[in-house]
């Protein structure tokens, strides 16, 4: 805001002035992304119907209603036997 009004000031000077006045600025820490751990218990896929993966795809219709799609994929053949779109899911529905 000070720069928009024409002041030449940097963040260090701003913090020093705030500290002298007894004020506090909010500490902004950078968001660090946690890398996914590589799991050692995963086994290699040997054939079709051996390992399945499931995921949700989210979208929104033009009228604003949210839509969720459950997809189940065979990781060996990439065959997708289940694509189940619904407006809401319960835990029992997914199981």
N, C-alpha and C. Protein backbone atom coordinates (compact mmCIF):
# COMPACT_ATOMS: atom_id res chain seq x y z
N UNK A 1 0.83 -1.18 0.00
CA UNK A 1 0.00 0.00 0.00
C UNK A 1 0.88 1.25 0.00
N UNK A 2 2.01 1.19 0.76
CA UNK A 2 2.91 2.34 0.77
C UNK A 2 3.54 2.56 -0.60
N UNK A 3 3.89 1.50 -1.28
CA UNK A 3 4.48 1.62 -2.61
C UNK A 3 3.49 2.23 -3.60
N UNK A 4 2.22 1.87 -3.47
CA UNK A 4 1.21 2.45 -4.36
C UNK A 4 1.06 3.95 -4.14
N UNK A 5 1.30 4.40 -2.90
CA UNK A 5 1.18 5.83 -2.58
C UNK A 5 2.46 6.60 -2.90
N UNK A 6 3.51 5.89 -3.43
CA UNK A 6 4.70 6.59 -3.86
C UNK A 6 5.88 6.49 -2.92
N UNK A 7 5.77 5.79 -1.80
CA UNK A 7 6.88 5.65 -0.87
C UNK A 7 7.85 4.60 -1.41
N UNK A 8 9.16 4.85 -1.25
CA UNK A 8 10.16 3.85 -1.60
C UNK A 8 10.59 3.16 -0.30
N UNK A 9 10.02 2.01 -0.06
CA UNK A 9 10.25 1.31 1.21
C UNK A 9 10.27 -0.18 0.94
N UNK A 10 11.14 -0.90 1.65
CA UNK A 10 11.17 -2.35 1.49
C UNK A 10 10.62 -3.03 2.74
N UNK A 11 10.57 -4.36 2.72
CA UNK A 11 9.93 -5.11 3.81
C UNK A 11 10.74 -5.01 5.09
N UNK A 12 12.08 -4.94 4.99
CA UNK A 12 12.90 -4.86 6.21
C UNK A 12 12.66 -3.55 6.96
N UNK A 13 12.56 -2.47 6.21
CA UNK A 13 12.32 -1.18 6.84
C UNK A 13 10.91 -1.14 7.45
N UNK A 14 9.96 -1.73 6.74
CA UNK A 14 8.58 -1.78 7.25
C UNK A 14 8.53 -2.56 8.55
N UNK A 15 9.21 -3.71 8.61
CA UNK A 15 9.23 -4.51 9.84
C UNK A 15 9.91 -3.75 10.98
N UNK A 16 11.00 -3.03 10.68
CA UNK A 16 11.70 -2.27 11.72
C UNK A 16 10.80 -1.18 12.29
N UNK A 17 10.06 -0.48 11.44
CA UNK A 17 9.15 0.57 11.91
C UNK A 17 8.03 -0.03 12.74
N UNK A 18 7.48 -1.17 12.28
CA UNK A 18 6.43 -1.84 13.05
C UNK A 18 6.94 -2.24 14.42
N UNK A 19 8.16 -2.80 14.49
CA UNK A 19 8.72 -3.22 15.78
C UNK A 19 8.95 -2.02 16.70
N UNK A 20 9.41 -0.90 16.15
CA UNK A 20 9.61 0.29 16.97
C UNK A 20 8.30 0.81 17.56
N UNK A 21 7.22 0.65 16.81
CA UNK A 21 5.91 1.10 17.29
C UNK A 21 5.22 0.05 18.17
N UNK A 22 5.85 -1.12 18.32
CA UNK A 22 5.27 -2.17 19.15
C UNK A 22 4.20 -2.97 18.44
N UNK A 23 4.13 -2.86 17.13
CA UNK A 23 3.14 -3.61 16.35
C UNK A 23 3.76 -4.91 15.84
N UNK A 24 2.93 -5.80 15.38
CA UNK A 24 3.43 -7.06 14.86
C UNK A 24 2.86 -7.31 13.49
N UNK A 25 3.71 -7.83 12.60
CA UNK A 25 3.26 -8.28 11.29
C UNK A 25 3.04 -9.78 11.35
N UNK A 26 2.14 -10.24 10.58
CA UNK A 26 1.88 -11.67 10.52
C UNK A 26 3.05 -12.35 9.82
N UNK A 27 3.54 -13.41 10.39
CA UNK A 27 4.63 -14.15 9.77
C UNK A 27 4.08 -14.99 8.63
N UNK A 28 4.62 -14.79 7.45
CA UNK A 28 4.19 -15.57 6.29
C UNK A 28 5.29 -16.57 5.98
N UNK A 29 5.00 -17.82 6.19
CA UNK A 29 5.96 -18.87 5.89
C UNK A 29 5.63 -19.45 4.53
N UNK A 30 6.62 -19.79 3.74
CA UNK A 30 6.33 -20.41 2.44
C UNK A 30 5.71 -21.78 2.62
N UNK A 31 4.77 -22.10 1.76
CA UNK A 31 4.13 -23.40 1.82
C UNK A 31 5.05 -24.43 1.20
N UNK A 32 5.44 -25.38 1.98
CA UNK A 32 6.31 -26.42 1.48
C UNK A 32 5.48 -27.66 1.18
N UNK A 33 5.69 -28.20 0.01
CA UNK A 33 4.95 -29.40 -0.38
C UNK A 33 5.69 -30.63 0.10
N UNK A 34 4.98 -31.50 0.74
CA UNK A 34 5.58 -32.72 1.25
C UNK A 34 5.61 -33.74 0.12
N UNK A 35 6.79 -34.26 -0.14
CA UNK A 35 6.90 -35.27 -1.18
C UNK A 35 6.34 -36.58 -0.67
N UNK A 36 5.65 -37.27 -1.54
CA UNK A 36 5.05 -38.54 -1.15
C UNK A 36 6.16 -39.56 -0.88
N UNK A 37 5.98 -40.31 0.18
CA UNK A 37 6.95 -41.34 0.50
C UNK A 37 6.80 -42.50 -0.48
N UNK A 38 7.91 -43.05 -0.85
CA UNK A 38 7.85 -44.24 -1.69
C UNK A 38 7.58 -45.43 -0.80
N UNK A 39 6.54 -46.13 -1.08
CA UNK A 39 6.16 -47.27 -0.25
C UNK A 39 6.92 -48.50 -0.71
N UNK A 40 7.47 -49.20 0.26
CA UNK A 40 8.24 -50.40 -0.05
C UNK A 40 7.37 -51.64 -0.12
N UNK A 41 6.16 -51.56 0.40
CA UNK A 41 5.30 -52.74 0.44
C UNK A 41 4.52 -52.96 -0.85
N UNK A 42 4.70 -52.10 -1.85
CA UNK A 42 4.00 -52.29 -3.12
C UNK A 42 4.68 -53.37 -3.94
N UNK A 43 3.87 -54.22 -4.51
CA UNK A 43 4.39 -55.30 -5.32
C UNK A 43 4.17 -54.99 -6.79
N UNK A 44 4.99 -55.60 -7.62
CA UNK A 44 4.84 -55.43 -9.06
C UNK A 44 3.56 -56.09 -9.54
N UNK A 45 2.94 -55.49 -10.53
CA UNK A 45 1.72 -56.04 -11.11
C UNK A 45 2.14 -57.15 -12.07
N UNK A 46 1.56 -58.33 -11.87
CA UNK A 46 1.95 -59.47 -12.70
C UNK A 46 0.96 -59.75 -13.82
N UNK A 47 -0.29 -59.37 -13.64
CA UNK A 47 -1.27 -59.65 -14.68
C UNK A 47 -2.55 -58.87 -14.46
N UNK A 48 -3.50 -59.04 -15.36
CA UNK A 48 -4.78 -58.34 -15.20
C UNK A 48 -5.53 -58.83 -13.97
N UNK A 49 -6.35 -57.96 -13.42
CA UNK A 49 -7.15 -58.21 -12.21
C UNK A 49 -6.28 -58.49 -10.99
N UNK A 50 -5.05 -58.02 -11.00
CA UNK A 50 -4.15 -58.22 -9.86
C UNK A 50 -4.22 -57.04 -8.90
N UNK A 51 -4.12 -55.83 -9.44
CA UNK A 51 -4.14 -54.61 -8.63
C UNK A 51 -5.11 -53.62 -9.26
N UNK A 52 -5.97 -53.04 -8.39
CA UNK A 52 -6.94 -52.06 -8.84
C UNK A 52 -6.66 -50.73 -8.16
N UNK A 53 -6.96 -49.66 -8.85
CA UNK A 53 -6.83 -48.32 -8.28
C UNK A 53 -8.16 -47.60 -8.45
N UNK A 54 -8.50 -46.79 -7.44
CA UNK A 54 -9.73 -46.01 -7.54
C UNK A 54 -9.44 -44.56 -7.21
N UNK A 55 -10.23 -43.68 -7.81
CA UNK A 55 -10.03 -42.26 -7.62
C UNK A 55 -11.34 -41.53 -7.90
N UNK A 56 -11.46 -40.34 -7.34
CA UNK A 56 -12.61 -39.48 -7.59
C UNK A 56 -12.21 -38.37 -8.55
N UNK A 57 -13.12 -38.03 -9.45
CA UNK A 57 -12.97 -36.89 -10.34
C UNK A 57 -14.10 -35.93 -9.98
N UNK A 58 -13.75 -34.67 -9.77
CA UNK A 58 -14.74 -33.67 -9.37
C UNK A 58 -14.98 -32.70 -10.51
N UNK A 59 -16.23 -32.29 -10.67
CA UNK A 59 -16.57 -31.29 -11.67
C UNK A 59 -17.81 -30.55 -11.20
N UNK A 60 -18.15 -29.49 -11.88
CA UNK A 60 -19.32 -28.70 -11.52
C UNK A 60 -20.12 -28.42 -12.78
N UNK A 61 -21.43 -28.62 -12.68
CA UNK A 61 -22.31 -28.39 -13.82
C UNK A 61 -22.54 -26.88 -14.02
N UNK A 62 -23.11 -26.53 -15.15
CA UNK A 62 -23.34 -25.12 -15.48
C UNK A 62 -24.29 -24.46 -14.49
N UNK A 63 -25.22 -25.23 -13.92
CA UNK A 63 -26.15 -24.65 -12.96
C UNK A 63 -25.56 -24.56 -11.55
N UNK A 64 -24.31 -25.01 -11.38
CA UNK A 64 -23.63 -24.87 -10.09
C UNK A 64 -23.63 -26.11 -9.22
N UNK A 65 -24.28 -27.17 -9.65
CA UNK A 65 -24.33 -28.39 -8.85
C UNK A 65 -23.05 -29.18 -9.03
N UNK A 66 -22.48 -29.67 -7.92
CA UNK A 66 -21.21 -30.39 -7.98
C UNK A 66 -21.45 -31.85 -8.31
N UNK A 67 -20.55 -32.39 -9.10
CA UNK A 67 -20.65 -33.76 -9.58
C UNK A 67 -19.37 -34.50 -9.23
N UNK A 68 -19.50 -35.71 -8.69
CA UNK A 68 -18.34 -36.56 -8.40
C UNK A 68 -18.45 -37.83 -9.22
N UNK A 69 -17.31 -38.26 -9.73
CA UNK A 69 -17.27 -39.49 -10.53
C UNK A 69 -16.24 -40.41 -9.91
N UNK A 70 -16.66 -41.62 -9.54
CA UNK A 70 -15.76 -42.63 -9.00
C UNK A 70 -15.27 -43.49 -10.16
N UNK A 71 -13.95 -43.59 -10.30
CA UNK A 71 -13.38 -44.42 -11.35
C UNK A 71 -12.53 -45.51 -10.72
N UNK A 72 -12.68 -46.72 -11.22
CA UNK A 72 -11.86 -47.85 -10.79
C UNK A 72 -11.12 -48.35 -12.01
N UNK A 73 -9.78 -48.50 -11.88
CA UNK A 73 -8.94 -48.84 -13.02
C UNK A 73 -8.07 -50.04 -12.66
N UNK A 74 -7.97 -51.00 -13.60
CA UNK A 74 -7.03 -52.10 -13.46
C UNK A 74 -5.66 -51.55 -13.86
N UNK A 75 -4.69 -51.60 -12.94
CA UNK A 75 -3.40 -50.96 -13.21
C UNK A 75 -2.56 -51.71 -14.24
N UNK A 76 -2.85 -52.96 -14.51
CA UNK A 76 -2.08 -53.69 -15.51
C UNK A 76 -2.57 -53.40 -16.93
N UNK A 77 -3.87 -53.57 -17.14
CA UNK A 77 -4.41 -53.42 -18.50
C UNK A 77 -5.00 -52.05 -18.78
N UNK A 78 -5.10 -51.19 -17.74
CA UNK A 78 -5.71 -49.86 -17.85
C UNK A 78 -7.19 -49.93 -18.23
N UNK A 79 -7.81 -51.07 -17.98
CA UNK A 79 -9.24 -51.25 -18.23
C UNK A 79 -10.00 -50.60 -17.08
N UNK A 80 -11.06 -49.89 -17.42
CA UNK A 80 -11.86 -49.18 -16.41
C UNK A 80 -13.26 -49.77 -16.38
N UNK A 81 -13.52 -50.74 -15.50
CA UNK A 81 -14.84 -51.37 -15.46
C UNK A 81 -15.91 -50.52 -14.78
N UNK A 82 -15.52 -49.57 -13.94
CA UNK A 82 -16.50 -48.80 -13.18
C UNK A 82 -16.23 -47.31 -13.36
N UNK A 83 -17.24 -46.61 -13.86
CA UNK A 83 -17.28 -45.15 -13.87
C UNK A 83 -18.65 -44.79 -13.33
N UNK A 84 -18.69 -44.32 -12.08
CA UNK A 84 -19.95 -44.13 -11.39
C UNK A 84 -20.15 -42.65 -11.04
N UNK A 85 -20.92 -41.88 -11.85
CA UNK A 85 -21.15 -40.48 -11.51
C UNK A 85 -22.33 -40.33 -10.55
N UNK A 86 -22.15 -39.49 -9.54
CA UNK A 86 -23.21 -39.18 -8.57
C UNK A 86 -23.03 -37.75 -8.08
N UNK A 87 -24.08 -37.23 -7.49
CA UNK A 87 -24.00 -35.90 -6.90
C UNK A 87 -23.46 -35.96 -5.48
N UNK A 88 -23.66 -37.07 -4.79
CA UNK A 88 -23.10 -37.22 -3.45
C UNK A 88 -22.79 -38.69 -3.20
N UNK A 89 -21.73 -38.91 -2.43
CA UNK A 89 -21.31 -40.26 -2.08
C UNK A 89 -21.31 -40.40 -0.57
N UNK A 90 -21.67 -41.57 -0.12
CA UNK A 90 -21.50 -41.95 1.28
C UNK A 90 -20.43 -43.01 1.33
N UNK A 91 -19.92 -43.28 2.51
CA UNK A 91 -18.89 -44.30 2.63
C UNK A 91 -19.35 -45.67 2.17
N UNK A 92 -20.61 -46.00 2.47
CA UNK A 92 -21.14 -47.30 2.06
C UNK A 92 -21.22 -47.41 0.54
N UNK A 93 -21.49 -46.28 -0.13
CA UNK A 93 -21.57 -46.30 -1.59
C UNK A 93 -20.22 -46.65 -2.21
N UNK A 94 -19.17 -46.12 -1.65
CA UNK A 94 -17.84 -46.35 -2.19
C UNK A 94 -17.41 -47.78 -1.92
N UNK A 95 -17.69 -48.27 -0.73
CA UNK A 95 -17.31 -49.65 -0.39
C UNK A 95 -18.08 -50.62 -1.26
